[in-house]
PDB file of N, CA and C in Angstrom:
ATOM      1  N   UNK A   1       6.046 -12.491   7.475  1.00  0.00           N
ATOM      2  CA  UNK A   1       5.952 -12.013   6.104  1.00  0.00           C
ATOM      3  C   UNK A   1       7.085 -11.060   5.746  1.00  0.00           C
ATOM      4  N   UNK A   2       7.864 -10.666   6.739  1.00  0.00           N
ATOM      5  CA  UNK A   2       8.966  -9.768   6.433  1.00  0.00           C
ATOM      6  C   UNK A   2       8.485  -8.480   5.801  1.00  0.00           C
ATOM      7  N   UNK A   3       9.271  -7.979   4.892  1.00  0.00           N
ATOM      8  CA  UNK A   3       8.973  -6.676   4.295  1.00  0.00           C
ATOM      9  C   UNK A   3       7.871  -6.712   3.233  1.00  0.00           C
ATOM     10  N   UNK A   4       7.183  -7.839   3.084  1.00  0.00           N
ATOM     11  CA  UNK A   4       6.011  -7.864   2.216  1.00  0.00           C
ATOM     12  C   UNK A   4       4.820  -7.223   2.923  1.00  0.00           C
ATOM     13  N   UNK A   5       4.902  -7.112   4.234  1.00  0.00           N
ATOM     14  CA  UNK A   5       3.764  -6.591   4.990  1.00  0.00           C
ATOM     15  C   UNK A   5       4.242  -5.544   5.985  1.00  0.00           C
ATOM     16  N   UNK A   6       3.743  -4.343   5.817  1.00  0.00           N
ATOM     17  CA  UNK A   6       4.018  -3.231   6.713  1.00  0.00           C
ATOM     18  C   UNK A   6       2.699  -2.943   7.431  1.00  0.00           C
ATOM     19  N   UNK A   7       2.580  -3.321   8.681  1.00  0.00           N
ATOM     20  CA  UNK A   7       1.314  -3.226   9.408  1.00  0.00           C
ATOM     21  C   UNK A   7       0.841  -1.778   9.523  1.00  0.00           C
ATOM     22  N   UNK A   8      -0.294  -1.504   8.887  1.00  0.00           N
ATOM     23  CA  UNK A   8      -0.932  -0.182   8.932  1.00  0.00           C
ATOM     24  C   UNK A   8       0.002   0.946   8.501  1.00  0.00           C
ATOM     25  N   UNK A   9       0.849   0.632   7.520  1.00  0.00           N
ATOM     26  CA  UNK A   9       1.785   1.615   6.964  1.00  0.00           C
ATOM     27  C   UNK A   9       1.871   1.409   5.456  1.00  0.00           C
ATOM     28  N   UNK A  10       2.195   2.474   4.751  1.00  0.00           N
ATOM     29  CA  UNK A  10       2.421   2.336   3.314  1.00  0.00           C
ATOM     30  C   UNK A  10       3.630   1.434   3.098  1.00  0.00           C
ATOM     31  N   UNK A  11       3.583   0.530   2.124  1.00  0.00           N
ATOM     32  CA  UNK A  11       4.702  -0.381   1.879  1.00  0.00           C
ATOM     33  C   UNK A  11       5.738   0.194   0.917  1.00  0.00           C
ATOM     34  N   UNK A  12       6.887  -0.455   0.908  1.00  0.00           N
ATOM     35  CA  UNK A  12       7.918  -0.148  -0.071  1.00  0.00           C
ATOM     36  C   UNK A  12       7.799  -1.155  -1.200  1.00  0.00           C
ATOM     37  N   UNK A  13       7.611  -0.663  -2.400  1.00  0.00           N
ATOM     38  CA  UNK A  13       7.587  -1.520  -3.588  1.00  0.00           C
ATOM     39  C   UNK A  13       8.759  -1.079  -4.455  1.00  0.00           C
ATOM     40  N   UNK A  14       9.700  -1.971  -4.635  1.00  0.00           N
ATOM     41  CA  UNK A  14      10.940  -1.631  -5.342  1.00  0.00           C
ATOM     42  C   UNK A  14      10.724  -1.666  -6.855  1.00  0.00           C
ATOM     43  N   UNK A  15      10.188  -0.583  -7.374  1.00  0.00           N
ATOM     44  CA  UNK A  15       9.894  -0.479  -8.803  1.00  0.00           C
ATOM     45  C   UNK A  15      11.162  -0.548  -9.649  1.00  0.00           C
ATOM     46  N   UNK A  16      12.277  -0.056  -9.113  1.00  0.00           N
ATOM     47  CA  UNK A  16      13.534  -0.028  -9.869  1.00  0.00           C
ATOM     48  C   UNK A  16      14.170  -1.404 -10.036  1.00  0.00           C
ATOM     49  N   UNK A  17      13.704  -2.374  -9.253  1.00  0.00           N
ATOM     50  CA  UNK A  17      14.255  -3.727  -9.345  1.00  0.00           C
ATOM     51  C   UNK A  17      13.234  -4.733  -9.858  1.00  0.00           C
ATOM     52  N   UNK A  18      12.195  -4.238 -10.528  1.00  0.00           N
ATOM     53  CA  UNK A  18      11.224  -5.129 -11.138  1.00  0.00           C
ATOM     54  C   UNK A  18       9.945  -5.339 -10.351  1.00  0.00           C
ATOM     55  N   UNK A  19       9.846  -4.744  -9.173  1.00  0.00           N
ATOM     56  CA  UNK A  19       8.615  -4.859  -8.407  1.00  0.00           C
ATOM     57  C   UNK A  19       7.511  -4.046  -9.050  1.00  0.00           C
ATOM     58  N   UNK A  20       6.265  -4.395  -8.722  1.00  0.00           N
ATOM     59  CA  UNK A  20       5.139  -3.651  -9.273  1.00  0.00           C
ATOM     60  C   UNK A  20       4.016  -3.601  -8.241  1.00  0.00           C
ATOM     61  N   UNK A  21       3.216  -2.569  -8.340  1.00  0.00           N
ATOM     62  CA  UNK A  21       2.062  -2.433  -7.461  1.00  0.00           C
ATOM     63  C   UNK A  21       1.105  -3.593  -7.717  1.00  0.00           C
ATOM     64  N   UNK A  22       0.850  -3.913  -8.979  1.00  0.00           N
ATOM     65  CA  UNK A  22      -0.058  -5.011  -9.317  1.00  0.00           C
ATOM     66  C   UNK A  22       0.445  -6.336  -8.749  1.00  0.00           C
ATOM     67  N   UNK A  23       1.740  -6.579  -8.863  1.00  0.00           N
ATOM     68  CA  UNK A  23       2.320  -7.807  -8.320  1.00  0.00           C
ATOM     69  C   UNK A  23       2.235  -7.866  -6.802  1.00  0.00           C
ATOM     70  N   UNK A  24       2.459  -6.747  -6.170  1.00  0.00           N
ATOM     71  CA  UNK A  24       2.398  -6.664  -4.704  1.00  0.00           C
ATOM     72  C   UNK A  24       0.977  -6.957  -4.233  1.00  0.00           C
ATOM     73  N   UNK A  25      -0.003  -6.374  -4.907  1.00  0.00           N
ATOM     74  CA  UNK A  25      -1.406  -6.611  -4.564  1.00  0.00           C
ATOM     75  C   UNK A  25      -1.760  -8.087  -4.799  1.00  0.00           C
ATOM     76  N   UNK A  26      -1.343  -8.634  -5.922  1.00  0.00           N
ATOM     77  CA  UNK A  26      -1.622 -10.045  -6.229  1.00  0.00           C
ATOM     78  C   UNK A  26      -1.014 -10.972  -5.182  1.00  0.00           C
ATOM     79  N   UNK A  27       0.230 -10.692  -4.771  1.00  0.00           N
ATOM     80  CA  UNK A  27       0.879 -11.518  -3.751  1.00  0.00           C
ATOM     81  C   UNK A  27       0.141 -11.431  -2.422  1.00  0.00           C
ATOM     82  N   UNK A  28      -0.329 -10.244  -2.075  1.00  0.00           N
ATOM     83  CA  UNK A  28      -1.076 -10.081  -0.831  1.00  0.00           C
ATOM     84  C   UNK A  28      -2.378 -10.884  -0.885  1.00  0.00           C
ATOM     85  N   UNK A  29      -3.044 -10.880  -2.026  1.00  0.00           N
ATOM     86  CA  UNK A  29      -4.265 -11.676  -2.185  1.00  0.00           C
ATOM     87  C   UNK A  29      -3.980 -13.169  -2.060  1.00  0.00           C
ATOM     88  N   UNK A  30      -2.853 -13.605  -2.618  1.00  0.00           N
ATOM     89  CA  UNK A  30      -2.476 -15.016  -2.502  1.00  0.00           C
ATOM     90  C   UNK A  30      -2.287 -15.403  -1.049  1.00  0.00           C
ATOM     91  N   UNK A  31      -1.586 -14.571  -0.308  1.00  0.00           N
ATOM     92  CA  UNK A  31      -1.363 -14.863   1.111  1.00  0.00           C
ATOM     93  C   UNK A  31      -2.685 -14.873   1.861  1.00  0.00           C
ATOM     94  N   UNK A  32      -3.557 -13.929   1.564  1.00  0.00           N
ATOM     95  CA  UNK A  32      -4.871 -13.904   2.228  1.00  0.00           C
ATOM     96  C   UNK A  32      -5.647 -15.191   1.994  1.00  0.00           C
ATOM     97  N   UNK A  33      -5.481 -15.793   0.838  1.00  0.00           N
ATOM     98  CA  UNK A  33      -6.194 -17.040   0.538  1.00  0.00           C
ATOM     99  C   UNK A  33      -5.623 -18.223   1.321  1.00  0.00           C
ATOM    100  N   UNK A  34      -4.462 -18.039   1.929  1.00  0.00           N
ATOM    101  CA  UNK A  34      -3.793 -19.125   2.641  1.00  0.00           C
ATOM    102  C   UNK A  34      -3.878 -19.006   4.165  1.00  0.00           C
ATOM    103  N   UNK A  35      -4.509 -17.957   4.660  1.00  0.00           N
ATOM    104  CA  UNK A  35      -4.623 -17.769   6.111  1.00  0.00           C
ATOM    105  C   UNK A  35      -6.090 -17.817   6.526  1.00  0.00           C
ATOM    106  N   UNK A  36      -6.302 -18.000   7.827  1.00  0.00           N
ATOM    107  CA  UNK A  36      -7.675 -17.978   8.335  1.00  0.00           C
ATOM    108  C   UNK A  36      -7.765 -16.979   9.481  1.00  0.00           C
ATOM    109  N   UNK A  37      -8.917 -16.903  10.098  1.00  0.00           N
ATOM    110  CA  UNK A  37      -9.154 -15.886  11.116  1.00  0.00           C
ATOM    111  C   UNK A  37      -8.327 -16.064  12.386  1.00  0.00           C
ATOM    112  N   UNK A  38      -7.695 -17.220  12.571  1.00  0.00           N
ATOM    113  CA  UNK A  38      -6.869 -17.435  13.770  1.00  0.00           C
ATOM    114  C   UNK A  38      -5.377 -17.326  13.480  1.00  0.00           C
ATOM    115  N   UNK A  39      -5.018 -17.136  12.225  1.00  0.00           N
ATOM    116  CA  UNK A  39      -3.610 -17.009  11.838  1.00  0.00           C
ATOM    117  C   UNK A  39      -3.010 -15.737  12.418  1.00  0.00           C
ATOM    118  N   UNK A  40      -1.834 -15.855  12.998  1.00  0.00           N
ATOM    119  CA  UNK A  40      -1.069 -14.700  13.465  1.00  0.00           C
ATOM    120  C   UNK A  40      -0.048 -14.371  12.387  1.00  0.00           C
ATOM    121  N   UNK A  41      -0.001 -13.116  11.997  1.00  0.00           N
ATOM    122  CA  UNK A  41       0.872 -12.685  10.913  1.00  0.00           C
ATOM    123  C   UNK A  41       1.925 -11.735  11.471  1.00  0.00           C
ATOM    124  N   UNK A  42       3.183 -12.068  11.209  1.00  0.00           N
ATOM    125  CA  UNK A  42       4.296 -11.250  11.690  1.00  0.00           C
ATOM    126  C   UNK A  42       4.750 -10.356  10.537  1.00  0.00           C
ATOM    127  N   UNK A  43       4.492  -9.052  10.670  1.00  0.00           N
ATOM    128  CA  UNK A  43       4.909  -8.130   9.601  1.00  0.00           C
ATOM    129  C   UNK A  43       6.398  -7.788   9.701  1.00  0.00           C
ATOM    130  N   UNK A  44       6.923  -7.256   8.627  1.00  0.00           N
ATOM    131  CA  UNK A  44       8.301  -6.771   8.650  1.00  0.00           C
ATOM    132  C   UNK A  44       8.432  -5.523   9.506  1.00  0.00           C
ATOM    133  N   UNK A  45       7.351  -4.765   9.598  1.00  0.00           N
ATOM    134  CA  UNK A  45       7.321  -3.539  10.404  1.00  0.00           C
ATOM    135  C   UNK A  45       5.955  -3.440  11.054  1.00  0.00           C
ATOM    136  N   UNK A  46       5.918  -3.119  12.329  1.00  0.00           N
ATOM    137  CA  UNK A  46       4.657  -2.931  13.028  1.00  0.00           C
ATOM    138  C   UNK A  46       4.303  -4.094  13.940  1.00  0.00           C
ATOM    139  N   UNK A  47       3.138  -3.986  14.526  1.00  0.00           N
ATOM    140  CA  UNK A  47       2.665  -4.955  15.511  1.00  0.00           C
ATOM    141  C   UNK A  47       2.187  -6.252  14.869  1.00  0.00           C
ATOM    142  N   UNK A  48       2.139  -7.304  15.676  1.00  0.00           N
ATOM    143  CA  UNK A  48       1.587  -8.581  15.259  1.00  0.00           C
ATOM    144  C   UNK A  48       0.189  -8.353  14.688  1.00  0.00           C
ATOM    145  N   UNK A  49      -0.117  -8.993  13.593  1.00  0.00           N
ATOM    146  CA  UNK A  49      -1.394  -8.790  12.911  1.00  0.00           C
ATOM    147  C   UNK A  49      -2.127 -10.113  12.742  1.00  0.00           C
ATOM    148  N   UNK A  50      -3.337  -9.988  12.227  1.00  0.00           N
ATOM    149  CA  UNK A  50      -4.160 -11.144  11.895  1.00  0.00           C
ATOM    150  C   UNK A  50      -4.698 -10.955  10.472  1.00  0.00           C
ATOM    151  N   UNK A  51      -5.585 -11.848  10.062  1.00  0.00           N
ATOM    152  CA  UNK A  51      -6.134 -11.770   8.707  1.00  0.00           C
ATOM    153  C   UNK A  51      -6.815 -10.427   8.455  1.00  0.00           C
ATOM    154  N   UNK A  52      -7.548  -9.927   9.442  1.00  0.00           N
ATOM    155  CA  UNK A  52      -8.242  -8.643   9.281  1.00  0.00           C
ATOM    156  C   UNK A  52      -7.245  -7.511   9.028  1.00  0.00           C
ATOM    157  N   UNK A  53      -6.096  -7.558   9.694  1.00  0.00           N
ATOM    158  CA  UNK A  53      -5.072  -6.538   9.476  1.00  0.00           C
ATOM    159  C   UNK A  53      -4.502  -6.602   8.066  1.00  0.00           C
ATOM    160  N   UNK A  54      -4.310  -7.819   7.567  1.00  0.00           N
ATOM    161  CA  UNK A  54      -3.801  -7.974   6.202  1.00  0.00           C
ATOM    162  C   UNK A  54      -4.866  -7.548   5.185  1.00  0.00           C
ATOM    163  N   UNK A  55      -6.127  -7.817   5.473  1.00  0.00           N
ATOM    164  CA  UNK A  55      -7.208  -7.364   4.602  1.00  0.00           C
ATOM    165  C   UNK A  55      -7.280  -5.835   4.567  1.00  0.00           C
ATOM    166  N   UNK A  56      -7.057  -5.212   5.716  1.00  0.00           N
ATOM    167  CA  UNK A  56      -7.038  -3.741   5.796  1.00  0.00           C
ATOM    168  C   UNK A  56      -5.900  -3.187   4.944  1.00  0.00           C
ATOM    169  N   UNK A  57      -4.750  -3.834   5.000  1.00  0.00           N
ATOM    170  CA  UNK A  57      -3.578  -3.448   4.210  1.00  0.00           C
ATOM    171  C   UNK A  57      -3.883  -3.548   2.709  1.00  0.00           C
ATOM    172  N   UNK A  58      -4.506  -4.645   2.297  1.00  0.00           N
ATOM    173  CA  UNK A  58      -4.883  -4.828   0.901  1.00  0.00           C
ATOM    174  C   UNK A  58      -5.880  -3.754   0.470  1.00  0.00           C
ATOM    175  N   UNK A  59      -6.866  -3.497   1.303  1.00  0.00           N
ATOM    176  CA  UNK A  59      -7.864  -2.476   0.969  1.00  0.00           C
ATOM    177  C   UNK A  59      -7.212  -1.118   0.795  1.00  0.00           C
ATOM    178  N   UNK A  60      -6.246  -0.799   1.646  1.00  0.00           N
ATOM    179  CA  UNK A  60      -5.542   0.480   1.513  1.00  0.00           C
ATOM    180  C   UNK A  60      -4.850   0.558   0.157  1.00  0.00           C
ATOM    181  N   UNK A  61      -4.133  -0.501  -0.208  1.00  0.00           N
ATOM    182  CA  UNK A  61      -3.419  -0.463  -1.485  1.00  0.00           C
ATOM    183  C   UNK A  61      -4.372  -0.309  -2.659  1.00  0.00           C
ATOM    184  N   UNK A  62      -5.444  -1.080  -2.651  1.00  0.00           N
ATOM    185  CA  UNK A  62      -6.390  -1.013  -3.765  1.00  0.00           C
ATOM    186  C   UNK A  62      -7.091   0.342  -3.834  1.00  0.00           C
ATOM    187  N   UNK A  63      -7.499   0.861  -2.701  1.00  0.00           N
ATOM    188  CA  UNK A  63      -8.239   2.119  -2.691  1.00  0.00           C
ATOM    189  C   UNK A  63      -7.352   3.324  -2.990  1.00  0.00           C
ATOM    190  N   UNK A  64      -6.128   3.331  -2.485  1.00  0.00           N
ATOM    191  CA  UNK A  64      -5.240   4.450  -2.801  1.00  0.00           C
ATOM    192  C   UNK A  64      -4.798   4.391  -4.262  1.00  0.00           C
ATOM    193  N   UNK A  65      -4.668   3.194  -4.810  1.00  0.00           N
ATOM    194  CA  UNK A  65      -4.354   3.064  -6.231  1.00  0.00           C
ATOM    195  C   UNK A  65      -5.479   3.673  -7.079  1.00  0.00           C
ATOM    196  N   UNK A  66      -6.715   3.399  -6.714  1.00  0.00           N
ATOM    197  CA  UNK A  66      -7.860   3.979  -7.435  1.00  0.00           C
ATOM    198  C   UNK A  66      -7.816   5.507  -7.340  1.00  0.00           C
ATOM    199  N   UNK A  67      -7.507   6.037  -6.152  1.00  0.00           N
ATOM    200  CA  UNK A  67      -7.438   7.495  -5.983  1.00  0.00           C
ATOM    201  C   UNK A  67      -6.376   8.106  -6.894  1.00  0.00           C
ATOM    202  N   UNK A  68      -5.208   7.502  -6.921  1.00  0.00           N
ATOM    203  CA  UNK A  68      -4.109   8.062  -7.724  1.00  0.00           C
ATOM    204  C   UNK A  68      -4.386   7.885  -9.211  1.00  0.00           C
ATOM    205  N   UNK A  69      -4.960   6.767  -9.591  1.00  0.00           N
ATOM    206  CA  UNK A  69      -5.310   6.584 -11.002  1.00  0.00           C
ATOM    207  C   UNK A  69      -6.336   7.627 -11.441  1.00  0.00           C
ATOM    208  N   UNK A  70      -7.263   7.969 -10.554  1.00  0.00           N
ATOM    209  CA  UNK A  70      -8.253   9.010 -10.873  1.00  0.00           C
ATOM    210  C   UNK A  70      -7.566  10.353 -11.074  1.00  0.00           C
ATOM    211  N   UNK A  71      -6.564  10.643 -10.257  1.00  0.00           N
ATOM    212  CA  UNK A  71      -5.816  11.900 -10.416  1.00  0.00           C
ATOM    213  C   UNK A  71      -5.101  11.932 -11.766  1.00  0.00           C
ATOM    214  N   UNK A  72      -4.504  10.805 -12.136  1.00  0.00           N
ATOM    215  CA  UNK A  72      -3.829  10.730 -13.435  1.00  0.00           C
ATOM    216  C   UNK A  72      -4.822  10.930 -14.574  1.00  0.00           C
ATOM    217  N   UNK A  73      -5.981  10.312 -14.463  1.00  0.00           N
ATOM    218  CA  UNK A  73      -7.016  10.437 -15.489  1.00  0.00           C
ATOM    219  C   UNK A  73      -7.477  11.882 -15.622  1.00  0.00           C
ATOM    220  N   UNK A  74      -7.484  12.607 -14.503  1.00  0.00           N
ATOM    221  CA  UNK A  74      -7.868  14.022 -14.517  1.00  0.00           C
ATOM    222  C   UNK A  74      -6.766  14.898 -15.104  1.00  0.00           C
ATOM    223  N   UNK A  75      -5.621  14.305 -15.386  1.00  0.00           N
ATOM    224  CA  UNK A  75      -4.523  15.049 -15.988  1.00  0.00           C
ATOM    225  C   UNK A  75      -3.535  15.635 -15.006  1.00  0.00           C
ATOM    226  N   UNK A  76      -3.647  15.270 -13.722  1.00  0.00           N
ATOM    227  CA  UNK A  76      -2.708  15.796 -12.736  1.00  0.00           C
ATOM    228  C   UNK A  76      -1.335  15.153 -12.928  1.00  0.00           C
ATOM    229  N   UNK A  77      -0.299  15.950 -12.785  1.00  0.00           N
ATOM    230  CA  UNK A  77       1.063  15.425 -12.804  1.00  0.00           C
ATOM    231  C   UNK A  77       1.326  14.746 -11.454  1.00  0.00           C
ATOM    232  N   UNK A  78       2.438  14.045 -11.363  1.00  0.00           N
ATOM    233  CA  UNK A  78       2.793  13.419 -10.085  1.00  0.00           C
ATOM    234  C   UNK A  78       2.930  14.477  -8.995  1.00  0.00           C
ATOM    235  N   UNK A  79       3.557  15.601  -9.316  1.00  0.00           N
ATOM    236  CA  UNK A  79       3.715  16.672  -8.330  1.00  0.00           C
ATOM    237  C   UNK A  79       2.362  17.228  -7.886  1.00  0.00           C
ATOM    238  N   UNK A  80       1.439  17.373  -8.825  1.00  0.00           N
ATOM    239  CA  UNK A  80       0.107  17.866  -8.484  1.00  0.00           C
ATOM    240  C   UNK A  80      -0.654  16.844  -7.643  1.00  0.00           C
ATOM    241  N   UNK A  81      -0.480  15.566  -7.942  1.00  0.00           N
ATOM    242  CA  UNK A  81      -1.120  14.517  -7.147  1.00  0.00           C
ATOM    243  C   UNK A  81      -0.590  14.534  -5.718  1.00  0.00           C
ATOM    244  N   UNK A  82       0.714  14.709  -5.569  1.00  0.00           N
ATOM    245  CA  UNK A  82       1.312  14.809  -4.228  1.00  0.00           C
ATOM    246  C   UNK A  82       0.748  16.016  -3.492  1.00  0.00           C
ATOM    247  N   UNK A  83       0.643  17.135  -4.175  1.00  0.00           N
ATOM    248  CA  UNK A  83       0.112  18.355  -3.547  1.00  0.00           C
ATOM    249  C   UNK A  83      -1.345  18.164  -3.118  1.00  0.00           C
ATOM    250  N   UNK A  84      -2.110  17.450  -3.930  1.00  0.00           N
ATOM    251  CA  UNK A  84      -3.511  17.184  -3.583  1.00  0.00           C
ATOM    252  C   UNK A  84      -3.596  16.205  -2.422  1.00  0.00           C
ATOM    253  N   UNK A  85      -2.776  15.172  -2.447  1.00  0.00           N
ATOM    254  CA  UNK A  85      -2.752  14.176  -1.384  1.00  0.00           C
ATOM    255  C   UNK A  85      -3.871  13.160  -1.499  1.00  0.00           C
ATOM    256  N   UNK A  86      -3.792  12.181  -0.619  1.00  0.00           N
ATOM    257  CA  UNK A  86      -4.791  11.122  -0.552  1.00  0.00           C
ATOM    258  C   UNK A  86      -5.919  11.528   0.384  1.00  0.00           C
ATOM    259  N   UNK A  87      -6.979  10.767   0.370  1.00  0.00           N
ATOM    260  CA  UNK A  87      -8.098  11.003   1.286  1.00  0.00           C
ATOM    261  C   UNK A  87      -7.613  10.970   2.730  1.00  0.00           C
ATOM    262  N   UNK A  88      -8.308  11.684   3.580  1.00  0.00           N
ATOM    263  CA  UNK A  88      -7.913  11.824   4.989  1.00  0.00           C
ATOM    264  C   UNK A  88      -7.740  10.486   5.699  1.00  0.00           C
ATOM    265  N   UNK A  89      -8.504   9.490   5.315  1.00  0.00           N
ATOM    266  CA  UNK A  89      -8.428   8.195   6.001  1.00  0.00           C
ATOM    267  C   UNK A  89      -7.071   7.524   5.863  1.00  0.00           C
ATOM    268  N   UNK A  90      -6.263   7.950   4.907  1.00  0.00           N
ATOM    269  CA  UNK A  90      -4.960   7.315   4.681  1.00  0.00           C
ATOM    270  C   UNK A  90      -3.808   8.086   5.319  1.00  0.00           C
ATOM    271  N   UNK A  91      -4.044   9.237   5.906  1.00  0.00           N
ATOM    272  CA  UNK A  91      -2.968  10.063   6.465  1.00  0.00           C
ATOM    273  C   UNK A  91      -2.152   9.323   7.514  1.00  0.00           C
ATOM    274  N   UNK A  92      -2.811   8.516   8.338  1.00  0.00           N
ATOM    275  CA  UNK A  92      -2.111   7.819   9.427  1.00  0.00           C
ATOM    276  C   UNK A  92      -1.213   6.684   8.928  1.00  0.00           C
ATOM    277  N   UNK A  93      -1.326   6.315   7.659  1.00  0.00           N
ATOM    278  CA  UNK A  93      -0.509   5.243   7.098  1.00  0.00           C
ATOM    279  C   UNK A  93       0.901   5.725   6.736  1.00  0.00           C
ATOM    280  N   UNK A  94       1.100   7.026   6.660  1.00  0.00           N
ATOM    281  CA  UNK A  94       2.404   7.611   6.326  1.00  0.00           C
ATOM    282  C   UNK A  94       3.365   7.389   7.490  1.00  0.00           C
ATOM    283  N   UNK A  95       4.615   7.107   7.170  1.00  0.00           N
ATOM    284  CA  UNK A  95       5.629   6.933   8.212  1.00  0.00           C
ATOM    285  C   UNK A  95       6.973   7.393   7.688  1.00  0.00           C
ATOM    286  N   UNK A  96       7.983   7.333   8.514  1.00  0.00           N
ATOM    287  CA  UNK A  96       9.263   7.955   8.152  1.00  0.00           C
ATOM    288  C   UNK A  96       9.932   7.334   6.927  1.00  0.00           C
ATOM    289  N   UNK A  97       9.679   6.079   6.618  1.00  0.00           N
ATOM    290  CA  UNK A  97      10.323   5.436   5.475  1.00  0.00           C
ATOM    291  C   UNK A  97       9.503   5.624   4.197  1.00  0.00           C
ATOM    292  N   UNK A  98       8.207   5.359   4.275  1.00  0.00           N
ATOM    293  CA  UNK A  98       7.332   5.553   3.115  1.00  0.00           C
ATOM    294  C   UNK A  98       6.267   6.573   3.506  1.00  0.00           C
ATOM    295  N   UNK A  99       6.550   7.791   3.146  1.00  0.00           N
ATOM    296  CA  UNK A  99       5.626   8.885   3.433  1.00  0.00           C
ATOM    297  C   UNK A  99       4.478   8.847   2.421  1.00  0.00           C
ATOM    298  N   UNK A 100       3.475   9.657   2.680  1.00  0.00           N
ATOM    299  CA  UNK A 100       2.371   9.756   1.729  1.00  0.00           C
ATOM    300  C   UNK A 100       2.902  10.172   0.353  1.00  0.00           C
ATOM    301  N   UNK A 101       3.836  11.102   0.315  1.00  0.00           N
ATOM    302  CA  UNK A 101       4.409  11.526  -0.968  1.00  0.00           C
ATOM    303  C   UNK A 101       5.051  10.356  -1.703  1.00  0.00           C
ATOM    304  N   UNK A 102       5.880   9.576  -1.011  1.00  0.00           N
ATOM    305  CA  UNK A 102       6.539   8.438  -1.663  1.00  0.00           C
ATOM    306  C   UNK A 102       5.516   7.420  -2.155  1.00  0.00           C
ATOM    307  N   UNK A 103       4.467   7.192  -1.355  1.00  0.00           N
ATOM    308  CA  UNK A 103       3.446   6.231  -1.753  1.00  0.00           C
ATOM    309  C   UNK A 103       2.685   6.721  -2.990  1.00  0.00           C
ATOM    310  N   UNK A 104       2.330   7.988  -3.024  1.00  0.00           N
ATOM    311  CA  UNK A 104       1.647   8.532  -4.200  1.00  0.00           C
ATOM    312  C   UNK A 104       2.540   8.393  -5.431  1.00  0.00           C
ATOM    313  N   UNK A 105       3.813   8.713  -5.297  1.00  0.00           N
ATOM    314  CA  UNK A 105       4.721   8.608  -6.445  1.00  0.00           C
ATOM    315  C   UNK A 105       4.865   7.159  -6.908  1.00  0.00           C
ATOM    316  N   UNK A 106       4.856   6.212  -5.976  1.00  0.00           N
ATOM    317  CA  UNK A 106       4.894   4.792  -6.340  1.00  0.00           C
ATOM    318  C   UNK A 106       3.630   4.423  -7.117  1.00  0.00           C
ATOM    319  N   UNK A 107       2.486   4.815  -6.598  1.00  0.00           N
ATOM    320  CA  UNK A 107       1.221   4.490  -7.257  1.00  0.00           C
ATOM    321  C   UNK A 107       1.097   5.196  -8.600  1.00  0.00           C
ATOM    322  N   UNK A 108       1.651   6.380  -8.707  1.00  0.00           N
ATOM    323  CA  UNK A 108       1.580   7.134  -9.954  1.00  0.00           C
ATOM    324  C   UNK A 108       2.270   6.396 -11.088  1.00  0.00           C
ATOM    325  N   UNK A 109       3.274   5.610 -10.740  1.00  0.00           N
ATOM    326  CA  UNK A 109       4.039   4.845 -11.748  1.00  0.00           C
ATOM    327  C   UNK A 109       3.383   3.506 -12.072  1.00  0.00           C
ATOM    328  N   UNK A 110       2.321   3.153 -11.364  1.00  0.00           N
ATOM    329  CA  UNK A 110       1.679   1.846 -11.563  1.00  0.00           C
ATOM    330  C   UNK A 110       1.040   1.743 -12.928  1.00  0.00           C
TER     331      UNK A 110
END
């Protein structure tokens, strides 16, 4: 899957070149509909995965998007959302390329 799938890590969505969080989520759902429980998935970054790993990745994107949208609805600025951070369950998804801050800022623009 190349850089469409970052195993257990926040992904890079190139918003400046026309990418979108909604499109990324939709593409991930399309791929999920084409694999089964025995499919081996090669991510662009991270260990070999399976359908469950890709489902976990999708759940992270959808759930963190809901968290950030809730912050926006509460009137928090992007900086305030970064300061608040995501729920503890997502802390381990941060990595040197896409940190929690970068992921929140990406979702904030969704």
